[in-house]
Amino acid sequence: MSVKQLSANELKTKLEQHESLLLLDVREPPEFNYAHIEGSVLMPLGKVRQRIDELDKQQSIVVICHHGFRSEQIALFLDSMGFADVMNLQGGVDAWALECDNTMARY
């Protein structure tokens, strides 16, 4: 089982084209508050299983974390739960800061 890996630049293009995406950030609140992609929804990794009913199985979802490892775990989980279109942001917000938004704080 695998999920689509999305580069930061691919995500930027999708956002510029106004594609309907849920940006699901699975980091912890202090990380999210420090730096996040505009429009992202925070749902910490440890809460996803109990809050899964808040997500639409038909919506395109891009899962985001710091470097792309935690988000890949959640993306695989969502895929296994029957979500139709799940993508993992390769390199996470760190890649976004490096490649797409040099004003974003890095940690």
C-alpha atoms as a PDB file:
ATOM      1  CA  MET A   1       0.000   0.000   0.000  1.00  0.00           C
ATOM      2  CA  SER A   2       1.326   3.436  -0.862  1.00  0.00           C
ATOM      3  CA  VAL A   3       0.046   6.974  -1.136  1.00  0.00           C
ATOM      4  CA  LYS A   4       0.960   9.646  -3.665  1.00  0.00           C
ATOM      5  CA  GLN A   5       3.950  11.749  -2.673  1.00  0.00           C
ATOM      6  CA  LEU A   6       3.444  15.426  -3.452  1.00  0.00           C
ATOM      7  CA  SER A   7       6.383  17.833  -3.673  1.00  0.00           C
ATOM      8  CA  ALA A   8       6.090  21.310  -2.178  1.00  0.00           C
ATOM      9  CA  ASN A   9       6.115  22.809  -5.680  1.00  0.00           C
ATOM     10  CA  GLU A  10       3.368  20.434  -6.852  1.00  0.00           C
ATOM     11  CA  LEU A  11       1.254  21.491  -3.860  1.00  0.00           C
ATOM     12  CA  LYS A  12       1.912  25.161  -4.609  1.00  0.00           C
ATOM     13  CA  THR A  13       0.692  24.634  -8.187  1.00  0.00           C
ATOM     14  CA  LYS A  14      -2.478  22.862  -6.979  1.00  0.00           C
ATOM     15  CA  LEU A  15      -3.199  25.733  -4.562  1.00  0.00           C
ATOM     16  CA  GLU A  16      -2.560  28.365  -7.255  1.00  0.00           C
ATOM     17  CA  GLN A  17      -5.033  26.505  -9.488  1.00  0.00           C
ATOM     18  CA  HIS A  18      -7.575  26.617  -6.626  1.00  0.00           C
ATOM     19  CA  GLU A  19      -7.924  22.830  -6.497  1.00  0.00           C
ATOM     20  CA  SER A  20     -10.246  21.698  -3.751  1.00  0.00           C
ATOM     21  CA  LEU A  21      -7.863  20.264  -1.156  1.00  0.00           C
ATOM     22  CA  LEU A  22      -7.952  19.717   2.563  1.00  0.00           C
ATOM     23  CA  LEU A  23      -4.516  20.549   3.981  1.00  0.00           C
ATOM     24  CA  LEU A  24      -4.409  18.290   7.048  1.00  0.00           C
ATOM     25  CA  ASP A  25      -1.550  19.234   9.369  1.00  0.00           C
ATOM     26  CA  VAL A  26      -0.834  16.419  11.856  1.00  0.00           C
ATOM     27  CA  ARG A  27       1.853  18.167  13.911  1.00  0.00           C
ATOM     28  CA  GLU A  28       1.402  19.320  17.509  1.00  0.00           C
ATOM     29  CA  PRO A  29      -0.201  22.720  18.303  1.00  0.00           C
ATOM     30  CA  PRO A  30       3.090  24.491  19.221  1.00  0.00           C
ATOM     31  CA  GLU A  31       4.625  23.405  15.885  1.00  0.00           C
ATOM     32  CA  PHE A  32       1.523  24.516  13.973  1.00  0.00           C
ATOM     33  CA  ASN A  33       1.446  27.869  15.773  1.00  0.00           C
ATOM     34  CA  TYR A  34       5.114  28.436  14.936  1.00  0.00           C
ATOM     35  CA  ALA A  35       4.723  27.810  11.194  1.00  0.00           C
ATOM     36  CA  HIS A  36       2.012  26.405   8.937  1.00  0.00           C
ATOM     37  CA  ILE A  37       0.761  26.589   5.388  1.00  0.00           C
ATOM     38  CA  GLU A  38      -2.089  29.072   4.967  1.00  0.00           C
ATOM     39  CA  GLY A  39      -5.451  27.294   5.070  1.00  0.00           C
ATOM     40  CA  SER A  40      -4.185  24.174   6.848  1.00  0.00           C
ATOM     41  CA  VAL A  41      -6.380  22.420   9.402  1.00  0.00           C
ATOM     42  CA  LEU A  42      -4.660  21.159  12.549  1.00  0.00           C
ATOM     43  CA  MET A  43      -5.459  17.609  13.641  1.00  0.00           C
ATOM     44  CA  PRO A  44      -2.548  16.275  15.719  1.00  0.00           C
ATOM     45  CA  LEU A  45      -1.390  12.758  14.839  1.00  0.00           C
ATOM     46  CA  GLY A  46      -2.614  11.337  18.148  1.00  0.00           C
ATOM     47  CA  LYS A  47      -6.141  12.682  17.551  1.00  0.00           C
ATOM     48  CA  VAL A  48      -6.735  11.556  13.948  1.00  0.00           C
ATOM     49  CA  ARG A  49      -8.240   8.157  14.800  1.00  0.00           C
ATOM     50  CA  GLN A  50     -10.807   9.663  17.191  1.00  0.00           C
ATOM     51  CA  ARG A  51     -11.602  12.609  14.863  1.00  0.00           C
ATOM     52  CA  ILE A  52     -11.692  10.650  11.578  1.00  0.00           C
ATOM     53  CA  ASP A  53     -15.449  11.251  11.213  1.00  0.00           C
ATOM     54  CA  GLU A  54     -14.694  14.968  10.721  1.00  0.00           C
ATOM     55  CA  LEU A  55     -12.995  14.116   7.400  1.00  0.00           C
ATOM     56  CA  ASP A  56     -14.741  13.604   4.058  1.00  0.00           C
ATOM     57  CA  LYS A  57     -13.650  10.325   2.425  1.00  0.00           C
ATOM     58  CA  GLN A  58     -14.231  11.800  -1.056  1.00  0.00           C
ATOM     59  CA  GLN A  59     -12.223  15.000  -0.545  1.00  0.00           C
ATOM     60  CA  SER A  60      -8.639  15.274  -1.772  1.00  0.00           C
ATOM     61  CA  ILE A  61      -6.471  15.414   1.351  1.00  0.00           C
ATOM     62  CA  VAL A  62      -2.836  16.492   1.595  1.00  0.00           C
ATOM     63  CA  VAL A  63      -1.337  15.351   4.907  1.00  0.00           C
ATOM     64  CA  ILE A  64       1.388  17.612   6.288  1.00  0.00           C
ATOM     65  CA  CYS A  65       3.949  17.450   9.101  1.00  0.00           C
ATOM     66  CA  HIS A  66       7.463  18.804   9.701  1.00  0.00           C
ATOM     67  CA  HIS A  67       9.492  16.579   7.356  1.00  0.00           C
ATOM     68  CA  GLY A  68       6.926  14.172   5.872  1.00  0.00           C
ATOM     69  CA  PHE A  69       7.330  11.106   8.101  1.00  0.00           C
ATOM     70  CA  ARG A  70       4.411  11.481  10.531  1.00  0.00           C
ATOM     71  CA  SER A  71       2.194  12.665   7.682  1.00  0.00           C
ATOM     72  CA  GLU A  72       3.055   9.585   5.635  1.00  0.00           C
ATOM     73  CA  GLN A  73       1.908   7.348   8.521  1.00  0.00           C
ATOM     74  CA  ILE A  74      -1.432   9.167   8.671  1.00  0.00           C
ATOM     75  CA  ALA A  75      -1.782   9.212   4.878  1.00  0.00           C
ATOM     76  CA  LEU A  76      -1.331   5.423   4.809  1.00  0.00           C
ATOM     77  CA  PHE A  77      -3.861   5.069   7.639  1.00  0.00           C
ATOM     78  CA  LEU A  78      -6.444   7.219   5.826  1.00  0.00           C
ATOM     79  CA  ASP A  79      -5.847   5.255   2.621  1.00  0.00           C
ATOM     80  CA  SER A  80      -6.439   2.003   4.522  1.00  0.00           C
ATOM     81  CA  MET A  81      -9.695   3.456   5.896  1.00  0.00           C
ATOM     82  CA  GLY A  82     -11.076   3.964   2.397  1.00  0.00           C
ATOM     83  CA  PHE A  83     -10.252   7.611   1.753  1.00  0.00           C
ATOM     84  CA  ALA A  84     -10.298   8.154  -2.013  1.00  0.00           C
ATOM     85  CA  ASP A  85      -7.503  10.665  -2.650  1.00  0.00           C
ATOM     86  CA  VAL A  86      -4.778  11.007  -0.020  1.00  0.00           C
ATOM     87  CA  MET A  87      -1.394  12.608  -0.648  1.00  0.00           C
ATOM     88  CA  ASN A  88       1.649  13.097   1.576  1.00  0.00           C
ATOM     89  CA  LEU A  89       3.592  16.376   1.402  1.00  0.00           C
ATOM     90  CA  GLN A  90       7.177  15.224   0.808  1.00  0.00           C
ATOM     91  CA  GLY A  91       9.557  17.072   3.104  1.00  0.00           C
ATOM     92  CA  GLY A  92       6.679  18.647   5.027  1.00  0.00           C
ATOM     93  CA  VAL A  93       6.521  22.304   6.015  1.00  0.00           C
ATOM     94  CA  ASP A  94      10.310  22.396   5.977  1.00  0.00           C
ATOM     95  CA  ALA A  95      10.325  21.715   2.214  1.00  0.00           C
ATOM     96  CA  TRP A  96       7.519  24.259   1.794  1.00  0.00           C
ATOM     97  CA  ALA A  97       9.596  26.900   3.599  1.00  0.00           C
ATOM     98  CA  LEU A  98      12.687  26.101   1.517  1.00  0.00           C
ATOM     99  CA  GLU A  99      11.027  25.810  -1.891  1.00  0.00           C
ATOM    100  CA  CYS A 100       7.835  27.898  -1.799  1.00  0.00           C
ATOM    101  CA  ASP A 101       7.721  30.406   1.071  1.00  0.00           C
ATOM    102  CA  ASN A 102      11.024  31.848   2.253  1.00  0.00           C
ATOM    103  CA  THR A 103       9.167  34.014   4.797  1.00  0.00           C
ATOM    104  CA  MET A 104       8.030  30.935   6.740  1.00  0.00           C
ATOM    105  CA  ALA A 105       9.856  30.248   9.982  1.00  0.00           C
ATOM    106  CA  ARG A 106      11.892  27.015   9.999  1.00  0.00           C
ATOM    107  CA  TYR A 107      12.740  24.804  12.968  1.00  0.00           C
END
